[in-house]
Amino acid sequence: MGKLKDRYIRFDWAIKRLLRDKANFAVLEGLLTVLFEDKTQIVEILESEGNQLAETDKFNRVDIKAKNSKGEIILVEVQNTREVYYLERILYGVAKTITEHISLGESYGNIKKVYSISIVYFDLGKGNDYLYHGQNRFIGVHTSDELQISTKQEDAILPKYPREIFPEYYIIRVNEFDKVAKTPLEEWVNYLKTGEIEPDTKVPGLSEAREKLKYYSMAPAERYAYDEHLNAIMIQNDVLSTAKLEGLTEGRSKGLAEGRAEGRAEGLAEGLAEGRAEGLAEGRAEGILSTAQNLKAMGLSIEDISRATGLSKEDIVKL
């Protein structure tokens, strides 16, 4: 029985089904406290368009809107599937949140600061770090000083930096973490990646997760669904990585234009990811057929399509 207590539910599943429960707020509060290096308390979980629990939403965005004790809004998003316009979507989500939480005609002074935290389990760009942070700073082009704005607060005019008002962005690239966890943040990212928690951890949120997110505490049906979720993600990542490699190799060997190579890569990703949505073997076959149809519509040769998808030439001709 010793092995059973060491397995915990992965964060991407927990945030969708368990962490919206007030009794489990301490887990998410721990992550935010470690990330911000400031004790963060969630006042309430706000509604969000990404809260669907449907099977078809298995790989879609999973986000929650939290509000801390200062009334500031925190967006937490988990994304398993590669998305080309991911940064644009982050920007849209923040802008939408700002407008949702201020009424028409209300003073702009009531706009709340927004923190956007993206936990991504796919290859997002190039970089050597697993954690990136961005915020708005207005720097003098010639003087290099940081602009301060006078603002009214509690009946007094006080100086404030734009970064204290504008949104802040955190991107955690989970798959890029390959260190031995020594700091609280590293312990958290290691858990995000592996689902493993040190038995003697004192890190905020993780000690609570050890009690609330035990794998073997789930009902059998829920445990089966969770296992299928992990299996589907593993298969999907393998298929997409293979498709990406094959696409790049074939593109170079055939001397295709960069635009066509990118378009083909998108066709592969879209068709194969769709096939994985059900997490079944037949879904993979459907995704490959969809990919082949896309490539055929783009005018690629039967030989090229066969090489990229593994389908026989006879099957491709019939599409």
Protein backbone atom coordinates (compact mmCIF):
# COMPACT_ATOMS: atom_id res chain seq x y z
CA MET A 1 0.00 0.00 0.00
CA GLY A 2 3.05 2.29 0.27
CA LYS A 3 2.96 3.19 -3.41
CA LEU A 4 -0.68 4.26 -3.33
CA LYS A 5 -0.13 7.31 -1.13
CA ASP A 6 2.55 8.73 -3.44
CA ARG A 7 0.33 9.25 -6.48
CA TYR A 8 -1.56 12.50 -6.90
CA ILE A 9 -3.99 13.95 -9.41
CA ARG A 10 -2.28 16.15 -11.98
CA PHE A 11 -3.00 19.87 -11.73
CA ASP A 12 -4.59 20.22 -15.17
CA TRP A 13 -7.29 17.73 -14.14
CA ALA A 14 -7.67 19.05 -10.60
CA ILE A 15 -8.18 22.67 -11.66
CA LYS A 16 -11.03 21.63 -13.92
CA ARG A 17 -12.93 19.46 -11.46
CA LEU A 18 -11.76 20.02 -7.89
CA LEU A 19 -10.07 23.35 -7.24
CA ARG A 20 -13.21 25.46 -7.78
CA ASP A 21 -14.56 24.00 -4.56
CA LYS A 22 -14.04 26.49 -1.73
CA ALA A 23 -12.82 23.67 0.48
CA ASN A 24 -9.90 23.23 -1.93
CA PHE A 25 -8.98 26.91 -2.43
CA ALA A 26 -5.80 26.42 -0.38
CA VAL A 27 -4.16 24.45 -3.21
CA LEU A 28 -4.54 27.22 -5.79
CA GLU A 29 -3.80 29.89 -3.20
CA GLY A 30 -0.51 28.13 -2.53
CA LEU A 31 0.52 28.27 -6.19
CA LEU A 32 -0.35 31.97 -6.39
CA THR A 33 1.46 32.74 -3.14
CA VAL A 34 4.64 31.03 -4.38
CA LEU A 35 4.43 32.63 -7.83
CA PHE A 36 3.78 36.18 -6.58
CA GLU A 37 6.03 35.75 -3.52
CA ASP A 38 3.18 37.27 -1.54
CA LYS A 39 0.46 35.52 0.45
CA THR A 40 -2.59 35.41 -1.79
CA GLN A 41 -6.10 34.63 -0.62
CA ILE A 42 -8.93 33.83 -3.03
CA VAL A 43 -12.14 35.63 -2.15
CA GLU A 44 -14.23 33.92 -4.80
CA ILE A 45 -14.02 31.97 -8.05
CA LEU A 46 -15.63 33.88 -10.90
CA GLU A 47 -17.46 32.37 -13.85
CA SER A 48 -15.47 31.69 -17.00
CA GLU A 49 -16.26 30.47 -20.51
CA GLY A 50 -13.67 27.72 -20.15
CA ASN A 51 -15.43 25.86 -17.36
CA GLN A 52 -17.06 23.21 -19.53
CA LEU A 53 -16.72 19.64 -18.31
CA ALA A 54 -17.81 17.94 -21.52
CA GLU A 55 -15.75 15.08 -22.92
CA THR A 56 -15.17 17.06 -26.12
CA ASP A 57 -13.57 19.82 -24.02
CA LYS A 58 -10.84 17.43 -22.90
CA PHE A 59 -8.00 19.33 -24.54
CA ASN A 60 -9.51 22.83 -24.58
CA ARG A 61 -8.53 25.75 -22.40
CA VAL A 62 -9.23 25.29 -18.73
CA ASP A 63 -9.34 28.55 -16.89
CA ILE A 64 -10.67 30.11 -13.74
CA LYS A 65 -11.00 33.71 -12.68
CA ALA A 66 -10.12 34.30 -9.06
CA LYS A 67 -10.28 37.46 -7.01
CA ASN A 68 -7.68 38.13 -4.30
CA SER A 69 -8.12 40.05 -1.06
CA LYS A 70 -7.24 43.32 -2.85
CA GLY A 71 -10.06 42.83 -5.33
CA GLU A 72 -7.60 42.20 -8.15
CA ILE A 73 -8.53 39.55 -10.72
CA ILE A 74 -6.35 36.54 -11.41
CA LEU A 75 -6.78 34.45 -14.55
CA VAL A 76 -5.36 30.94 -14.36
CA GLU A 77 -5.33 28.95 -17.58
CA VAL A 78 -4.10 25.45 -18.33
CA GLN A 79 -3.60 24.46 -21.96
CA ASN A 80 -2.60 20.99 -23.17
CA THR A 81 -2.94 21.43 -26.92
CA ARG A 82 -0.73 23.49 -29.18
CA GLU A 83 -2.38 26.68 -30.40
CA VAL A 84 -0.78 28.97 -32.98
CA TYR A 85 -2.32 32.24 -31.78
CA TYR A 86 -1.90 31.53 -28.08
CA LEU A 87 -0.43 34.92 -27.15
CA GLU A 88 -3.25 36.68 -28.96
CA ARG A 89 -5.74 34.59 -27.02
CA ILE A 90 -4.09 35.54 -23.73
CA LEU A 91 -4.41 39.21 -24.67
CA TYR A 92 -8.06 38.76 -25.66
CA GLY A 93 -8.84 36.97 -22.39
CA VAL A 94 -7.34 39.78 -20.31
CA ALA A 95 -9.09 42.51 -22.31
CA LYS A 96 -12.41 40.68 -22.05
CA THR A 97 -12.00 40.28 -18.29
CA ILE A 98 -11.29 44.00 -17.81
CA THR A 99 -14.42 45.02 -19.73
CA GLU A 100 -16.57 42.39 -18.02
CA HIS A 101 -15.78 43.79 -14.60
CA ILE A 102 -16.56 47.45 -15.19
CA SER A 103 -20.01 48.79 -16.04
CA LEU A 104 -20.76 51.25 -18.81
CA GLY A 105 -20.40 54.76 -17.46
CA GLU A 106 -18.47 53.61 -14.39
CA SER A 107 -15.28 55.49 -13.50
CA TYR A 108 -12.10 54.10 -15.03
CA GLY A 109 -10.67 54.33 -11.54
CA ASN A 110 -12.67 51.21 -10.71
CA ILE A 111 -10.77 49.06 -13.21
CA LYS A 112 -9.06 46.21 -11.39
CA LYS A 113 -5.56 44.99 -12.12
CA VAL A 114 -5.48 41.61 -13.86
CA TYR A 115 -2.83 38.90 -13.51
CA SER A 116 -2.77 36.32 -16.30
CA ILE A 117 -1.12 32.97 -15.51
CA SER A 118 -0.77 30.48 -18.34
CA ILE A 119 0.34 26.93 -17.57
CA VAL A 120 1.17 25.36 -20.92
CA TYR A 121 1.97 21.71 -21.57
CA PHE A 122 3.06 22.20 -25.18
CA ASP A 123 5.99 23.70 -27.06
CA LEU A 124 5.41 27.46 -26.88
CA GLY A 125 8.11 29.32 -28.76
CA LYS A 126 11.83 29.30 -28.04
CA GLY A 127 13.44 30.12 -24.74
CA ASN A 128 15.71 28.64 -22.09
CA ASP A 129 13.51 29.24 -19.04
CA TYR A 130 10.38 27.50 -17.81
CA LEU A 131 8.89 30.70 -16.34
CA TYR A 132 8.44 34.02 -18.13
CA HIS A 133 6.98 37.22 -16.69
CA GLY A 134 5.85 40.32 -18.58
CA GLN A 135 4.39 43.64 -17.53
CA ASN A 136 3.94 47.12 -18.95
CA ARG A 137 6.64 49.67 -18.17
CA PHE A 138 6.89 53.07 -19.84
CA ILE A 139 10.57 53.95 -20.22
CA GLY A 140 11.93 57.26 -21.48
CA VAL A 141 13.38 56.81 -24.95
CA HIS A 142 16.17 59.33 -24.27
CA THR A 143 16.35 59.41 -20.46
CA SER A 144 15.66 55.73 -19.63
CA ASP A 145 13.63 56.77 -16.58
CA GLU A 146 10.32 55.09 -15.76
CA LEU A 147 7.19 57.18 -16.15
CA GLN A 148 5.08 57.91 -13.06
CA ILE A 149 1.46 58.98 -13.26
CA SER A 150 -0.41 61.03 -10.65
CA THR A 151 -3.59 59.26 -9.58
CA LYS A 152 -6.29 59.90 -7.01
CA GLN A 153 -6.46 57.34 -4.24
CA GLU A 154 -8.36 57.69 -0.97
CA ASP A 155 -8.91 61.43 -1.57
CA ALA A 156 -5.21 62.03 -2.12
CA ILE A 157 -3.13 62.50 -5.26
CA LEU A 158 -0.41 59.86 -5.29
CA PRO A 159 2.25 58.83 -7.81
CA LYS A 160 1.75 55.46 -9.44
CA TYR A 161 3.66 53.47 -12.03
CA PRO A 162 1.70 52.22 -15.06
CA ARG A 163 2.86 48.68 -14.21
CA GLU A 164 0.77 48.95 -11.03
CA ILE A 165 -2.34 49.33 -13.19
CA PHE A 166 -1.68 47.40 -16.40
CA PRO A 167 -2.00 43.60 -16.53
CA GLU A 168 0.87 41.28 -15.69
CA TYR A 169 1.50 38.02 -17.52
CA TYR A 170 3.12 34.81 -16.33
CA ILE A 171 3.79 31.89 -18.68
CA ILE A 172 4.86 28.58 -17.13
CA ARG A 173 6.29 26.26 -19.81
CA VAL A 174 5.85 23.03 -17.90
CA ASN A 175 7.68 20.71 -20.30
CA GLU A 176 10.81 22.87 -20.18
CA PHE A 177 11.37 22.16 -16.49
CA ASP A 178 14.18 19.62 -16.07
CA LYS A 179 15.80 20.58 -12.76
CA VAL A 180 15.96 18.97 -9.34
CA ALA A 181 13.34 20.89 -7.36
CA LYS A 182 15.00 22.89 -4.60
CA THR A 183 12.87 26.03 -4.25
CA PRO A 184 9.13 26.28 -3.53
CA LEU A 185 8.50 27.42 -7.11
CA GLU A 186 10.52 24.51 -8.51
CA GLU A 187 8.59 22.06 -6.33
CA TRP A 188 5.36 23.48 -7.71
CA VAL A 189 6.47 23.28 -11.35
CA ASN A 190 7.72 19.75 -10.79
CA TYR A 191 4.25 18.83 -9.52
CA LEU A 192 2.62 20.56 -12.51
CA LYS A 193 4.75 18.43 -14.81
CA THR A 194 4.83 15.07 -13.05
CA GLY A 195 2.05 15.04 -10.47
CA GLU A 196 4.67 14.14 -7.85
CA ILE A 197 4.82 15.79 -4.42
CA GLU A 198 7.56 15.34 -1.83
CA PRO A 199 6.17 13.54 1.25
CA ASP A 200 7.64 16.10 3.65
CA THR A 201 6.91 19.23 1.61
CA LYS A 202 6.14 22.46 3.42
CA VAL A 203 5.46 24.43 0.22
CA PRO A 204 2.18 26.40 0.33
CA GLY A 205 -0.54 24.54 -1.53
CA LEU A 206 1.39 21.32 -2.06
CA SER A 207 0.90 20.07 1.47
CA GLU A 208 -2.85 20.64 0.98
CA ALA A 209 -2.68 18.93 -2.41
CA ARG A 210 -1.19 15.83 -0.77
CA GLU A 211 -4.35 15.56 1.32
CA LYS A 212 -7.00 16.63 -1.19
CA LEU A 213 -5.70 15.36 -4.54
CA LYS A 214 -4.94 11.72 -3.82
CA TYR A 215 -5.36 9.53 -6.87
CA TYR A 216 -6.78 6.58 -4.96
CA SER A 217 -9.33 8.77 -3.19
CA MET A 218 -11.24 9.16 -6.47
CA ALA A 219 -14.24 6.99 -7.22
CA PRO A 220 -13.48 4.19 -9.72
CA ALA A 221 -15.37 5.91 -12.54
CA GLU A 222 -13.58 9.19 -11.96
CA ARG A 223 -10.24 7.40 -11.75
CA TYR A 224 -10.91 5.68 -15.07
CA ALA A 225 -11.78 9.00 -16.72
CA TYR A 226 -8.60 10.53 -15.32
CA ASP A 227 -6.46 7.66 -16.64
CA GLU A 228 -8.06 8.04 -20.07
CA HIS A 229 -7.31 11.77 -19.93
CA LEU A 230 -3.60 11.15 -19.30
CA ASN A 231 -3.44 8.42 -21.92
CA ALA A 232 -5.07 10.68 -24.50
CA ILE A 233 -2.64 13.52 -23.79
CA MET A 234 0.35 11.20 -24.12
CA ILE A 235 -0.88 9.80 -27.43
CA GLN A 236 -1.79 13.23 -28.75
CA ASN A 237 1.62 14.70 -27.88
CA ASP A 238 3.34 11.75 -29.54
CA VAL A 239 1.25 12.06 -32.71
CA LEU A 240 1.68 15.82 -32.96
CA SER A 241 5.44 15.61 -32.35
CA THR A 242 5.75 12.94 -35.05
CA ALA A 243 3.62 14.96 -37.46
CA LYS A 244 5.71 18.05 -36.83
CA LEU A 245 8.96 16.18 -37.43
CA GLU A 246 7.67 14.52 -40.59
CA GLY A 247 6.32 17.82 -41.86
CA LEU A 248 9.61 19.63 -41.39
CA THR A 249 11.65 16.81 -42.92
CA GLU A 250 9.39 16.46 -45.94
CA GLY A 251 9.23 20.21 -46.40
CA ARG A 252 13.01 20.45 -46.60
CA SER A 253 13.42 17.44 -48.87
CA LYS A 254 10.84 18.70 -51.33
CA GLY A 255 11.96 22.32 -51.16
CA LEU A 256 8.42 23.52 -50.35
CA ALA A 257 7.87 27.20 -49.70
CA GLU A 258 7.76 28.19 -46.04
CA GLY A 259 4.12 29.20 -46.23
CA ARG A 260 3.08 25.82 -47.62
CA ALA A 261 5.11 24.01 -44.95
CA GLU A 262 3.40 25.98 -42.21
CA GLY A 263 0.00 25.38 -43.75
CA ARG A 264 0.66 21.66 -43.98
CA ALA A 265 1.85 21.57 -40.38
CA GLU A 266 -1.38 23.23 -39.29
CA GLY A 267 -3.38 20.70 -41.30
CA LEU A 268 -1.54 17.87 -39.60
CA ALA A 269 -1.99 19.34 -36.13
CA GLU A 270 -5.67 20.13 -36.61
CA GLY A 271 -6.59 16.79 -38.15
CA LEU A 272 -4.60 14.69 -35.70
CA ALA A 273 -5.62 16.69 -32.63
CA GLU A 274 -9.26 16.29 -33.64
CA GLY A 275 -8.73 12.55 -33.89
CA ARG A 276 -7.31 12.48 -30.36
CA ALA A 277 -10.26 14.35 -28.83
CA GLU A 278 -12.09 11.14 -28.01
CA GLY A 279 -8.93 9.48 -26.73
CA LEU A 280 -9.62 6.31 -28.72
CA ALA A 281 -7.57 4.42 -31.24
CA GLU A 282 -10.15 4.99 -33.95
CA GLY A 283 -9.87 8.70 -33.30
CA ARG A 284 -6.28 8.53 -34.41
CA ALA A 285 -7.29 6.89 -37.69
CA GLU A 286 -9.95 9.56 -38.27
CA GLY A 287 -7.40 12.28 -37.60
CA ILE A 288 -4.96 10.80 -40.10
CA LEU A 289 -7.70 10.57 -42.73
CA SER A 290 -8.66 14.18 -42.06
CA THR A 291 -5.03 15.20 -42.41
CA ALA A 292 -4.70 13.31 -45.67
CA GLN A 293 -7.80 15.05 -47.02
CA ASN A 294 -6.35 18.43 -46.08
CA LEU A 295 -3.05 17.66 -47.76
CA LYS A 296 -4.81 16.35 -50.86
CA ALA A 297 -6.88 19.52 -51.07
CA MET A 298 -3.65 21.52 -50.90
CA GLY A 299 -2.40 19.77 -54.01
CA LEU A 300 0.33 17.60 -52.51
CA SER A 301 1.24 14.47 -54.43
CA ILE A 302 -0.09 11.04 -53.45
CA GLU A 303 3.48 9.97 -52.63
CA ASP A 304 4.03 12.96 -50.31
CA ILE A 305 0.73 12.40 -48.52
CA SER A 306 1.50 8.70 -48.07
CA ARG A 307 4.91 9.53 -46.62
CA ALA A 308 3.48 12.11 -44.21
CA THR A 309 0.51 10.09 -42.95
CA GLY A 310 1.52 6.45 -43.39
CA LEU A 311 -1.62 5.74 -45.43
CA SER A 312 -1.38 3.56 -48.53
CA LYS A 313 -1.58 5.21 -51.93
CA GLU A 314 -4.75 3.24 -52.63
CA ASP A 315 -6.48 4.64 -49.54
CA ILE A 316 -5.45 8.19 -50.42
CA VAL A 317 -6.80 7.87 -53.96
CA LYS A 318 -10.21 6.86 -52.52
CA LEU A 319 -10.48 10.03 -50.38
